[in-house]
Amino acid sequence: MHKLAISLAALAALSACETPDGQRATAGALTGATAALILDGNVATATAAGAAAGALCDDVGLCP
């Protein structure tokens, strides 16, 4: 089950690369929250970090 969830989270993160900042932020937040739930981490912190990473990835040149 964990491998499936990780695979789906990775797919969601990769599929957001060609979208506007808001959609990338949402995908990043969902990916961060999913990862935190799987790894028993802090969901709020991971969600915020994922949203920031998603919104800013294009600005720093990480998204193609």
PDB file of N, CA and C in Angstrom:
ATOM      1  N   MET A   1       0.819  -1.193   0.000  1.00  0.00           N
ATOM      2  CA  MET A   1       0.000   0.000   0.000  1.00  0.00           C
ATOM      3  C   MET A   1       0.866   1.261   0.000  1.00  0.00           C
ATOM      4  N   HIS A   2       1.963   1.226   0.768  1.00  0.00           N
ATOM      5  CA  HIS A   2       2.827   2.399   0.828  1.00  0.00           C
ATOM      6  C   HIS A   2       3.473   2.692  -0.518  1.00  0.00           C
ATOM      7  N   LYS A   3       3.866   1.655  -1.244  1.00  0.00           N
ATOM      8  CA  LYS A   3       4.493   1.868  -2.552  1.00  0.00           C
ATOM      9  C   LYS A   3       3.505   2.495  -3.527  1.00  0.00           C
ATOM     10  N   LEU A   4       2.250   2.075  -3.464  1.00  0.00           N
ATOM     11  CA  LEU A   4       1.233   2.647  -4.342  1.00  0.00           C
ATOM     12  C   LEU A   4       1.016   4.116  -4.010  1.00  0.00           C
ATOM     13  N   ALA A   5       0.923   4.441  -2.738  1.00  0.00           N
ATOM     14  CA  ALA A   5       0.713   5.829  -2.335  1.00  0.00           C
ATOM     15  C   ALA A   5       1.896   6.703  -2.731  1.00  0.00           C
ATOM     16  N   ILE A   6       3.095   6.198  -2.560  1.00  0.00           N
ATOM     17  CA  ILE A   6       4.286   6.955  -2.950  1.00  0.00           C
ATOM     18  C   ILE A   6       4.315   7.149  -4.463  1.00  0.00           C
ATOM     19  N   SER A   7       3.963   6.129  -5.206  1.00  0.00           N
ATOM     20  CA  SER A   7       3.933   6.230  -6.666  1.00  0.00           C
ATOM     21  C   SER A   7       2.906   7.253  -7.128  1.00  0.00           C
ATOM     22  N   LEU A   8       1.735   7.242  -6.516  1.00  0.00           N
ATOM     23  CA  LEU A   8       0.698   8.208  -6.886  1.00  0.00           C
ATOM     24  C   LEU A   8       1.107   9.630  -6.522  1.00  0.00           C
ATOM     25  N   ALA A   9       1.747   9.801  -5.380  1.00  0.00           N
ATOM     26  CA  ALA A   9       2.214  11.129  -4.982  1.00  0.00           C
ATOM     27  C   ALA A   9       3.289  11.633  -5.939  1.00  0.00           C
ATOM     28  N   ALA A  10       4.197  10.765  -6.339  1.00  0.00           N
ATOM     29  CA  ALA A  10       5.244  11.149  -7.286  1.00  0.00           C
ATOM     30  C   ALA A  10       4.647  11.506  -8.641  1.00  0.00           C
ATOM     31  N   LEU A  11       3.672  10.754  -9.075  1.00  0.00           N
ATOM     32  CA  LEU A  11       3.007  11.041 -10.344  1.00  0.00           C
ATOM     33  C   LEU A  11       2.291  12.385 -10.289  1.00  0.00           C
ATOM     34  N   ALA A  12       1.629  12.667  -9.185  1.00  0.00           N
ATOM     35  CA  ALA A  12       0.945  13.951  -9.028  1.00  0.00           C
ATOM     36  C   ALA A  12       1.942  15.101  -9.056  1.00  0.00           C
ATOM     37  N   ALA A  13       3.065  14.925  -8.401  1.00  0.00           N
ATOM     38  CA  ALA A  13       4.083  15.976  -8.381  1.00  0.00           C
ATOM     39  C   ALA A  13       4.649  16.221  -9.771  1.00  0.00           C
ATOM     40  N   LEU A  14       4.933  15.170 -10.502  1.00  0.00           N
ATOM     41  CA  LEU A  14       5.496  15.318 -11.845  1.00  0.00           C
ATOM     42  C   LEU A  14       4.490  15.876 -12.842  1.00  0.00           C
ATOM     43  N   SER A  15       3.229  15.551 -12.676  1.00  0.00           N
ATOM     44  CA  SER A  15       2.221  16.019 -13.626  1.00  0.00           C
ATOM     45  C   SER A  15       1.938  17.501 -13.472  1.00  0.00           C
ATOM     46  N   ALA A  16       2.365  18.102 -12.394  1.00  0.00           N
ATOM     47  CA  ALA A  16       2.080  19.509 -12.150  1.00  0.00           C
ATOM     48  C   ALA A  16       3.105  20.446 -12.775  1.00  0.00           C
ATOM     49  N   CYS A  17       4.133  19.939 -13.395  1.00  0.00           N
ATOM     50  CA  CYS A  17       5.218  20.789 -13.883  1.00  0.00           C
ATOM     51  C   CYS A  17       4.801  21.770 -14.974  1.00  0.00           C
ATOM     52  N   GLU A  18       3.844  21.456 -15.778  1.00  0.00           N
ATOM     53  CA  GLU A  18       3.454  22.328 -16.880  1.00  0.00           C
ATOM     54  C   GLU A  18       2.204  23.142 -16.567  1.00  0.00           C
ATOM     55  N   THR A  19       1.924  23.388 -15.316  1.00  0.00           N
ATOM     56  CA  THR A  19       0.705  24.083 -14.928  1.00  0.00           C
ATOM     57  C   THR A  19       1.040  25.408 -14.250  1.00  0.00           C
ATOM     58  N   PRO A  20       0.033  26.277 -14.078  1.00  0.00           N
ATOM     59  CA  PRO A  20       0.262  27.556 -13.390  1.00  0.00           C
ATOM     60  C   PRO A  20       0.694  27.363 -11.934  1.00  0.00           C
ATOM     61  N   ASP A  21       1.216  28.438 -11.348  1.00  0.00           N
ATOM     62  CA  ASP A  21       1.742  28.385  -9.983  1.00  0.00           C
ATOM     63  C   ASP A  21       0.737  27.845  -8.974  1.00  0.00           C
ATOM     64  N   GLY A  22      -0.513  28.262  -9.057  1.00  0.00           N
ATOM     65  CA  GLY A  22      -1.524  27.814  -8.100  1.00  0.00           C
ATOM     66  C   GLY A  22      -1.758  26.321  -8.146  1.00  0.00           C
ATOM     67  N   GLN A  23      -1.783  25.776  -9.330  1.00  0.00           N
ATOM     68  CA  GLN A  23      -1.987  24.336  -9.467  1.00  0.00           C
ATOM     69  C   GLN A  23      -0.757  23.565  -9.002  1.00  0.00           C
ATOM     70  N   ARG A  24       0.435  24.093  -9.283  1.00  0.00           N
ATOM     71  CA  ARG A  24       1.652  23.436  -8.793  1.00  0.00           C
ATOM     72  C   ARG A  24       1.722  23.495  -7.276  1.00  0.00           C
ATOM     73  N   ALA A  25       1.277  24.603  -6.695  1.00  0.00           N
ATOM     74  CA  ALA A  25       1.265  24.721  -5.232  1.00  0.00           C
ATOM     75  C   ALA A  25       0.308  23.709  -4.622  1.00  0.00           C
ATOM     76  N   THR A  26      -0.850  23.538  -5.244  1.00  0.00           N
ATOM     77  CA  THR A  26      -1.821  22.559  -4.752  1.00  0.00           C
ATOM     78  C   THR A  26      -1.263  21.146  -4.856  1.00  0.00           C
ATOM     79  N   ALA A  27      -0.667  20.835  -5.984  1.00  0.00           N
ATOM     80  CA  ALA A  27      -0.076  19.503  -6.155  1.00  0.00           C
ATOM     81  C   ALA A  27       1.056  19.287  -5.157  1.00  0.00           C
ATOM     82  N   GLY A  28       1.853  20.309  -4.916  1.00  0.00           N
ATOM     83  CA  GLY A  28       2.930  20.197  -3.937  1.00  0.00           C
ATOM     84  C   GLY A  28       2.405  19.984  -2.531  1.00  0.00           C
ATOM     85  N   ALA A  29       1.333  20.694  -2.190  1.00  0.00           N
ATOM     86  CA  ALA A  29       0.729  20.532  -0.866  1.00  0.00           C
ATOM     87  C   ALA A  29       0.186  19.122  -0.680  1.00  0.00           C
ATOM     88  N   LEU A  30      -0.499  18.618  -1.700  1.00  0.00           N
ATOM     89  CA  LEU A  30      -1.039  17.257  -1.614  1.00  0.00           C
ATOM     90  C   LEU A  30       0.078  16.220  -1.541  1.00  0.00           C
ATOM     91  N   THR A  31       1.120  16.435  -2.308  1.00  0.00           N
ATOM     92  CA  THR A  31       2.250  15.508  -2.279  1.00  0.00           C
ATOM     93  C   THR A  31       2.943  15.538  -0.919  1.00  0.00           C
ATOM     94  N   GLY A  32       3.138  16.731  -0.379  1.00  0.00           N
ATOM     95  CA  GLY A  32       3.759  16.853   0.938  1.00  0.00           C
ATOM     96  C   GLY A  32       2.929  16.206   2.029  1.00  0.00           C
ATOM     97  N   ALA A  33       1.616  16.427   1.984  1.00  0.00           N
ATOM     98  CA  ALA A  33       0.733  15.831   2.990  1.00  0.00           C
ATOM     99  C   ALA A  33       0.735  14.312   2.892  1.00  0.00           C
ATOM    100  N   THR A  34       0.706  13.806   1.665  1.00  0.00           N
ATOM    101  CA  THR A  34       0.725  12.354   1.470  1.00  0.00           C
ATOM    102  C   THR A  34       2.022  11.750   1.995  1.00  0.00           C
ATOM    103  N   ALA A  35       3.129  12.391   1.681  1.00  0.00           N
ATOM    104  CA  ALA A  35       4.422  11.890   2.156  1.00  0.00           C
ATOM    105  C   ALA A  35       4.486  11.902   3.679  1.00  0.00           C
ATOM    106  N   ALA A  36       3.971  12.960   4.293  1.00  0.00           N
ATOM    107  CA  ALA A  36       3.994  13.037   5.758  1.00  0.00           C
ATOM    108  C   ALA A  36       3.133  11.954   6.383  1.00  0.00           C
ATOM    109  N   LEU A  37       1.986  11.692   5.788  1.00  0.00           N
ATOM    110  CA  LEU A  37       1.123  10.636   6.319  1.00  0.00           C
ATOM    111  C   LEU A  37       1.790   9.272   6.207  1.00  0.00           C
ATOM    112  N   ILE A  38       2.447   9.025   5.084  1.00  0.00           N
ATOM    113  CA  ILE A  38       3.104   7.736   4.876  1.00  0.00           C
ATOM    114  C   ILE A  38       4.290   7.571   5.825  1.00  0.00           C
ATOM    115  N   LEU A  39       5.041   8.643   6.013  1.00  0.00           N
ATOM    116  CA  LEU A  39       6.263   8.570   6.810  1.00  0.00           C
ATOM    117  C   LEU A  39       6.050   8.958   8.271  1.00  0.00           C
ATOM    118  N   ASP A  40       4.802   9.144   8.680  1.00  0.00           N
ATOM    119  CA  ASP A  40       4.465   9.544  10.051  1.00  0.00           C
ATOM    120  C   ASP A  40       5.142  10.852  10.453  1.00  0.00           C
ATOM    121  N   GLY A  41       5.141  11.811   9.535  1.00  0.00           N
ATOM    122  CA  GLY A  41       5.740  13.114   9.816  1.00  0.00           C
ATOM    123  C   GLY A  41       4.686  14.142  10.175  1.00  0.00           C
ATOM    124  N   ASN A  42       5.105  15.384  10.288  1.00  0.00           N
ATOM    125  CA  ASN A  42       4.211  16.487  10.603  1.00  0.00           C
ATOM    126  C   ASN A  42       3.497  16.914   9.322  1.00  0.00           C
ATOM    127  N   VAL A  43       2.201  16.682   9.264  1.00  0.00           N
ATOM    128  CA  VAL A  43       1.435  16.932   8.041  1.00  0.00           C
ATOM    129  C   VAL A  43       1.373  18.421   7.723  1.00  0.00           C
ATOM    130  N   ALA A  44       1.182  19.264   8.719  1.00  0.00           N
ATOM    131  CA  ALA A  44       1.070  20.703   8.469  1.00  0.00           C
ATOM    132  C   ALA A  44       2.359  21.271   7.884  1.00  0.00           C
ATOM    133  N   THR A  45       3.476  20.886   8.442  1.00  0.00           N
ATOM    134  CA  THR A  45       4.764  21.368   7.950  1.00  0.00           C
ATOM    135  C   THR A  45       5.039  20.853   6.543  1.00  0.00           C
ATOM    136  N   ALA A  46       4.769  19.588   6.308  1.00  0.00           N
ATOM    137  CA  ALA A  46       5.004  19.008   4.984  1.00  0.00           C
ATOM    138  C   ALA A  46       4.084  19.614   3.940  1.00  0.00           C
ATOM    139  N   THR A  47       2.847  19.916   4.324  1.00  0.00           N
ATOM    140  CA  THR A  47       1.911  20.546   3.395  1.00  0.00           C
ATOM    141  C   THR A  47       2.391  21.941   3.018  1.00  0.00           C
ATOM    142  N   ALA A  48       2.823  22.712   4.004  1.00  0.00           N
ATOM    143  CA  ALA A  48       3.322  24.060   3.732  1.00  0.00           C
ATOM    144  C   ALA A  48       4.586  24.018   2.874  1.00  0.00           C
ATOM    145  N   ALA A  49       5.492  23.116   3.193  1.00  0.00           N
ATOM    146  CA  ALA A  49       6.727  22.997   2.413  1.00  0.00           C
ATOM    147  C   ALA A  49       6.430  22.550   0.988  1.00  0.00           C
ATOM    148  N   GLY A  50       5.513  21.611   0.833  1.00  0.00           N
ATOM    149  CA  GLY A  50       5.143  21.144  -0.499  1.00  0.00           C
ATOM    150  C   GLY A  50       4.491  22.229  -1.329  1.00  0.00           C
ATOM    151  N   ALA A  51       3.630  23.017  -0.700  1.00  0.00           N
ATOM    152  CA  ALA A  51       2.976  24.117  -1.412  1.00  0.00           C
ATOM    153  C   ALA A  51       3.995  25.157  -1.858  1.00  0.00           C
ATOM    154  N   ALA A  52       4.921  25.496  -0.982  1.00  0.00           N
ATOM    155  CA  ALA A  52       5.957  26.468  -1.338  1.00  0.00           C
ATOM    156  C   ALA A  52       6.844  25.934  -2.458  1.00  0.00           C
ATOM    157  N   ALA A  53       7.229  24.679  -2.353  1.00  0.00           N
ATOM    158  CA  ALA A  53       8.071  24.078  -3.392  1.00  0.00           C
ATOM    159  C   ALA A  53       7.342  24.041  -4.730  1.00  0.00           C
ATOM    160  N   GLY A  54       6.073  23.693  -4.706  1.00  0.00           N
ATOM    161  CA  GLY A  54       5.301  23.646  -5.943  1.00  0.00           C
ATOM    162  C   GLY A  54       5.145  25.010  -6.585  1.00  0.00           C
ATOM    163  N   ALA A  55       4.880  26.013  -5.766  1.00  0.00           N
ATOM    164  CA  ALA A  55       4.677  27.359  -6.298  1.00  0.00           C
ATOM    165  C   ALA A  55       5.966  27.964  -6.841  1.00  0.00           C
ATOM    166  N   LEU A  56       7.083  27.629  -6.235  1.00  0.00           N
ATOM    167  CA  LEU A  56       8.347  28.263  -6.600  1.00  0.00           C
ATOM    168  C   LEU A  56       9.223  27.450  -7.540  1.00  0.00           C
ATOM    169  N   CYS A  57       8.851  26.212  -7.843  1.00  0.00           N
ATOM    170  CA  CYS A  57       9.747  25.368  -8.646  1.00  0.00           C
ATOM    171  C   CYS A  57      10.004  25.950 -10.031  1.00  0.00           C
ATOM    172  N   ASP A  58       9.014  26.602 -10.614  1.00  0.00           N
ATOM    173  CA  ASP A  58       9.201  27.201 -11.933  1.00  0.00           C
ATOM    174  C   ASP A  58      10.116  28.425 -11.844  1.00  0.00           C
ATOM    175  N   ASP A  59       9.997  29.176 -10.754  1.00  0.00           N
ATOM    176  CA  ASP A  59      10.794  30.391 -10.590  1.00  0.00           C
ATOM    177  C   ASP A  59      12.282  30.107 -10.428  1.00  0.00           C
ATOM    178  N   VAL A  60      12.610  28.960  -9.864  1.00  0.00           N
ATOM    179  CA  VAL A  60      14.023  28.616  -9.680  1.00  0.00           C
ATOM    180  C   VAL A  60      14.533  27.677 -10.769  1.00  0.00           C
ATOM    181  N   GLY A  61      13.681  27.365 -11.738  1.00  0.00           N
ATOM    182  CA  GLY A  61      14.106  26.575 -12.888  1.00  0.00           C
ATOM    183  C   GLY A  61      14.081  25.075 -12.707  1.00  0.00           C
ATOM    184  N   LEU A  62      13.330  24.569 -11.730  1.00  0.00           N
ATOM    185  CA  LEU A  62      13.259  23.120 -11.534  1.00  0.00           C
ATOM    186  C   LEU A  62      12.239  22.452 -12.442  1.00  0.00           C
ATOM    187  N   CYS A  63      11.218  23.189 -12.838  1.00  0.00           N
ATOM    188  CA  CYS A  63      10.213  22.626 -13.750  1.00  0.00           C
ATOM    189  C   CYS A  63      10.649  22.924 -15.177  1.00  0.00           C
ATOM    190  N   PRO A  64      10.570  21.931 -16.039  1.00  0.00           N
ATOM    191  CA  PRO A  64      11.007  22.157 -17.426  1.00  0.00           C
ATOM    192  C   PRO A  64      10.090  23.087 -18.185  1.00  0.00           C
TER     193      PRO A  64
END
